Amino acid sequence: MSPTQSERLRELLEPLVASQGLDLEELAVDSVGRKRVLRVVVDSDTGADLDRIADVSRALSAKLDESDAMGEGEYTLEVGTPGAERSLTEHRHYVRATDRLVRFQLHEGGELVARILAVDEDGLDLEVPGVKGRKPTARRLSFGDIDKARVQVEFNRKDSKNSDNGDNSDNSDDTTKEEEA
């Protein structure tokens, strides 16, 4: 079986992205009218600032120009990062989401919103925010129990590390933007 265009593009571009110190997270070719758009999503443990995105975009563009991977037709290259509400699908995504609030869809059918405290090879140590004045609780979640996971955007998070009064109160006042997965 011959490789798909996306597989060929991944084989061509992934080493180049890695040489820039980034991970190739997603790659998609979409048709928009008569034009095609190649969307490349990159990230790293330290994030990817605008300068790194520009550098990798130029390198990918040059590599694509010297190859026939996109064929003869016109296309647009878009390079970006996963965004604030990224889905967590790889071990490294969970590591990068440490200290972030995450909505978990569980295999058993339930849903859990909790903060990732630590990640190891088997699963996650979580802090489940307290409700109605209750204190947060600790929970262990194995990777096998997770169906889907998505980082939540937090507005008004009280950062206990930088609190003026040293108050380590729970984050029950956090406001999150919820998105249907």
Protein backbone atom coordinates (compact mmCIF):
# COMPACT_ATOMS: atom_id res chain seq x y z
CA MET A 1 0.00 0.00 0.00
CA SER A 2 1.41 3.37 -0.96
CA PRO A 3 1.69 6.11 1.63
CA THR A 4 -0.87 8.92 1.64
CA GLN A 5 0.11 12.49 0.88
CA SER A 6 -0.09 13.33 4.59
CA GLU A 7 2.23 10.42 5.44
CA ARG A 8 4.72 11.49 2.75
CA LEU A 9 4.61 15.08 4.00
CA ARG A 10 5.14 13.94 7.59
CA GLU A 11 8.17 11.85 6.54
CA LEU A 12 9.58 14.84 4.66
CA LEU A 13 8.87 17.56 7.23
CA GLU A 14 9.15 15.89 10.65
CA PRO A 15 12.99 15.67 10.62
CA LEU A 16 13.19 19.33 9.62
CA VAL A 17 10.81 20.39 12.40
CA ALA A 18 12.80 18.26 14.90
CA SER A 19 16.05 19.93 13.77
CA GLN A 20 14.46 23.25 14.85
CA GLY A 21 13.90 21.83 18.36
CA LEU A 22 10.15 21.37 17.85
CA ASP A 23 7.69 18.48 17.63
CA LEU A 24 5.43 18.08 14.61
CA GLU A 25 2.05 17.72 16.32
CA GLU A 26 -0.38 17.84 13.40
CA LEU A 27 -0.29 18.07 9.66
CA ALA A 28 -3.32 18.44 7.38
CA VAL A 29 -3.94 19.28 3.74
CA ASP A 30 -7.33 20.90 3.13
CA SER A 31 -8.93 22.16 -0.06
CA VAL A 32 -10.39 25.65 0.09
CA GLY A 33 -12.08 26.28 -3.22
CA ARG A 34 -9.42 25.79 -5.88
CA LYS A 35 -6.57 26.34 -3.45
CA ARG A 36 -5.03 23.89 -1.03
CA VAL A 37 -3.88 24.75 2.47
CA LEU A 38 -1.14 22.82 4.27
CA ARG A 39 -1.59 23.33 8.01
CA VAL A 40 1.33 22.37 10.22
CA VAL A 41 1.08 22.48 14.03
CA VAL A 42 4.32 22.48 16.03
CA ASP A 43 5.16 22.67 19.72
CA SER A 44 7.92 21.99 22.24
CA ASP A 45 8.35 21.54 25.96
CA THR A 46 9.25 25.23 26.24
CA GLY A 47 6.59 26.42 23.79
CA ALA A 48 7.10 28.04 20.42
CA ASP A 49 7.32 31.80 20.16
CA LEU A 50 6.69 33.84 17.02
CA ASP A 51 10.37 33.86 16.01
CA ARG A 52 10.62 30.05 16.20
CA ILE A 53 7.38 29.69 14.22
CA ALA A 54 8.73 32.06 11.54
CA ASP A 55 12.04 30.17 11.36
CA VAL A 56 10.40 26.78 10.98
CA SER A 57 7.89 28.20 8.48
CA ARG A 58 10.73 29.46 6.25
CA ALA A 59 12.56 26.13 6.52
CA LEU A 60 9.41 24.13 5.68
CA SER A 61 8.59 26.42 2.76
CA ALA A 62 12.08 25.97 1.30
CA LYS A 63 11.91 22.17 1.74
CA LEU A 64 8.49 22.00 0.10
CA ASP A 65 9.66 24.20 -2.80
CA GLU A 66 12.57 21.85 -3.55
CA SER A 67 10.37 18.75 -3.43
CA ASP A 68 7.24 17.75 -5.32
CA ALA A 69 5.41 16.71 -2.15
CA MET A 70 2.59 19.22 -2.70
CA GLY A 71 2.38 18.57 -6.44
CA GLU A 72 2.10 21.21 -9.15
CA GLY A 73 -0.86 23.20 -7.86
CA GLU A 74 -0.80 26.34 -5.78
CA TYR A 75 -1.04 25.98 -2.00
CA THR A 76 -0.75 28.03 1.17
CA LEU A 77 1.45 26.97 4.09
CA GLU A 78 0.15 27.78 7.58
CA VAL A 79 2.37 27.03 10.58
CA GLY A 80 1.13 27.48 14.14
CA THR A 81 0.92 26.07 17.65
CA PRO A 82 -1.82 23.88 19.15
CA GLY A 83 -3.58 26.71 20.94
CA ALA A 84 -4.85 27.20 24.45
CA GLU A 85 -7.49 24.45 24.51
CA ARG A 86 -5.43 21.70 22.97
CA SER A 87 -6.43 18.06 23.03
CA LEU A 88 -4.01 15.86 24.95
CA THR A 89 -3.18 12.72 22.98
CA GLU A 90 0.49 12.00 23.63
CA HIS A 91 2.44 11.54 26.89
CA ARG A 92 4.41 14.72 26.16
CA HIS A 93 1.13 16.69 25.92
CA TYR A 94 0.22 15.70 29.47
CA VAL A 95 3.70 16.67 30.70
CA ARG A 96 3.36 20.06 29.01
CA ALA A 97 -0.06 20.52 30.63
CA THR A 98 1.27 20.11 34.19
CA ASP A 99 -0.35 22.75 36.45
CA ARG A 100 -3.15 23.27 33.91
CA LEU A 101 -6.84 22.55 34.37
CA VAL A 102 -8.01 19.71 32.10
CA ARG A 103 -11.41 18.25 31.23
CA PHE A 104 -11.21 14.46 31.04
CA GLN A 105 -13.76 12.23 29.30
CA LEU A 106 -13.39 8.87 30.99
CA HIS A 107 -13.85 5.43 29.38
CA GLU A 108 -16.38 4.58 32.08
CA GLY A 109 -18.55 7.38 30.72
CA GLY A 110 -17.92 10.02 33.35
CA GLU A 111 -16.31 13.41 33.12
CA LEU A 112 -13.72 14.96 35.41
CA VAL A 113 -12.22 18.45 35.55
CA ALA A 114 -8.95 18.54 37.46
CA ARG A 115 -5.51 20.13 37.56
CA ILE A 116 -2.54 17.98 36.51
CA LEU A 117 0.04 17.95 39.32
CA ALA A 118 2.44 15.28 38.04
CA VAL A 119 2.81 12.87 35.13
CA ASP A 120 4.64 9.54 35.03
CA GLU A 121 4.66 6.59 32.64
CA ASP A 122 1.45 5.06 34.08
CA GLY A 123 -0.78 8.07 34.61
CA LEU A 124 -1.47 11.37 36.31
CA ASP A 125 -1.63 12.80 39.80
CA LEU A 126 -4.50 15.27 39.86
CA GLU A 127 -6.03 17.89 42.08
CA VAL A 128 -9.81 17.99 41.81
CA PRO A 129 -11.02 21.49 42.74
CA GLY A 130 -13.27 21.73 45.76
CA VAL A 131 -16.90 22.67 45.25
CA LYS A 132 -18.91 25.05 47.45
CA GLY A 133 -16.10 25.83 49.87
CA ARG A 134 -14.73 22.31 50.12
CA LYS A 135 -11.01 21.71 49.85
CA PRO A 136 -9.49 20.23 46.69
CA THR A 137 -8.94 16.47 46.68
CA ALA A 138 -6.13 14.39 45.23
CA ARG A 139 -6.83 11.72 42.63
CA ARG A 140 -4.76 9.30 40.59
CA LEU A 141 -5.85 8.63 37.00
CA SER A 142 -4.24 6.04 34.75
CA PHE A 143 -3.86 6.73 31.04
CA GLY A 144 -6.02 3.68 30.35
CA ASP A 145 -8.99 5.37 32.06
CA ILE A 146 -8.88 8.42 29.75
CA ASP A 147 -10.94 8.55 26.57
CA LYS A 148 -10.32 12.25 25.76
CA ALA A 149 -8.60 15.13 27.50
CA ARG A 150 -8.64 18.82 26.68
CA VAL A 151 -6.89 21.72 28.40
CA GLN A 152 -9.31 24.34 29.71
CA VAL A 153 -8.76 28.07 29.44
CA GLU A 154 -8.81 29.66 32.89
CA PHE A 155 -9.81 33.22 33.56
CA ASN A 156 -9.13 34.75 36.98
CA ARG A 157 -6.97 31.88 38.24
CA LYS A 158 -5.62 32.58 41.69
CA ASP A 159 -1.95 31.67 41.54
CA SER A 160 -1.02 30.66 45.09
CA LYS A 161 2.70 30.92 44.24
CA ASN A 162 2.38 34.63 43.51
CA SER A 163 -0.36 35.55 45.97
CA ASP A 164 0.32 38.74 47.93
CA ASN A 165 -0.96 37.31 51.19
CA GLY A 166 0.43 33.80 50.80
CA ASP A 167 -3.09 32.38 50.91
CA ASN A 168 -3.08 28.89 49.45
CA SER A 169 -6.84 28.78 49.05
CA ASP A 170 -8.44 26.50 46.54
CA ASN A 171 -9.20 27.62 43.02
CA SER A 172 -12.96 27.13 43.26
CA ASP A 173 -13.47 30.64 41.88
CA ASP A 174 -11.78 29.69 38.61
CA THR A 175 -13.83 30.41 35.55
CA THR A 176 -13.23 28.09 32.65
CA LYS A 177 -14.26 28.25 29.05
CA GLU A 178 -15.92 24.96 28.32
CA GLU A 179 -15.95 23.42 24.90
CA GLU A 180 -17.77 20.34 23.75
CA ALA A 181 -15.21 17.76 22.67
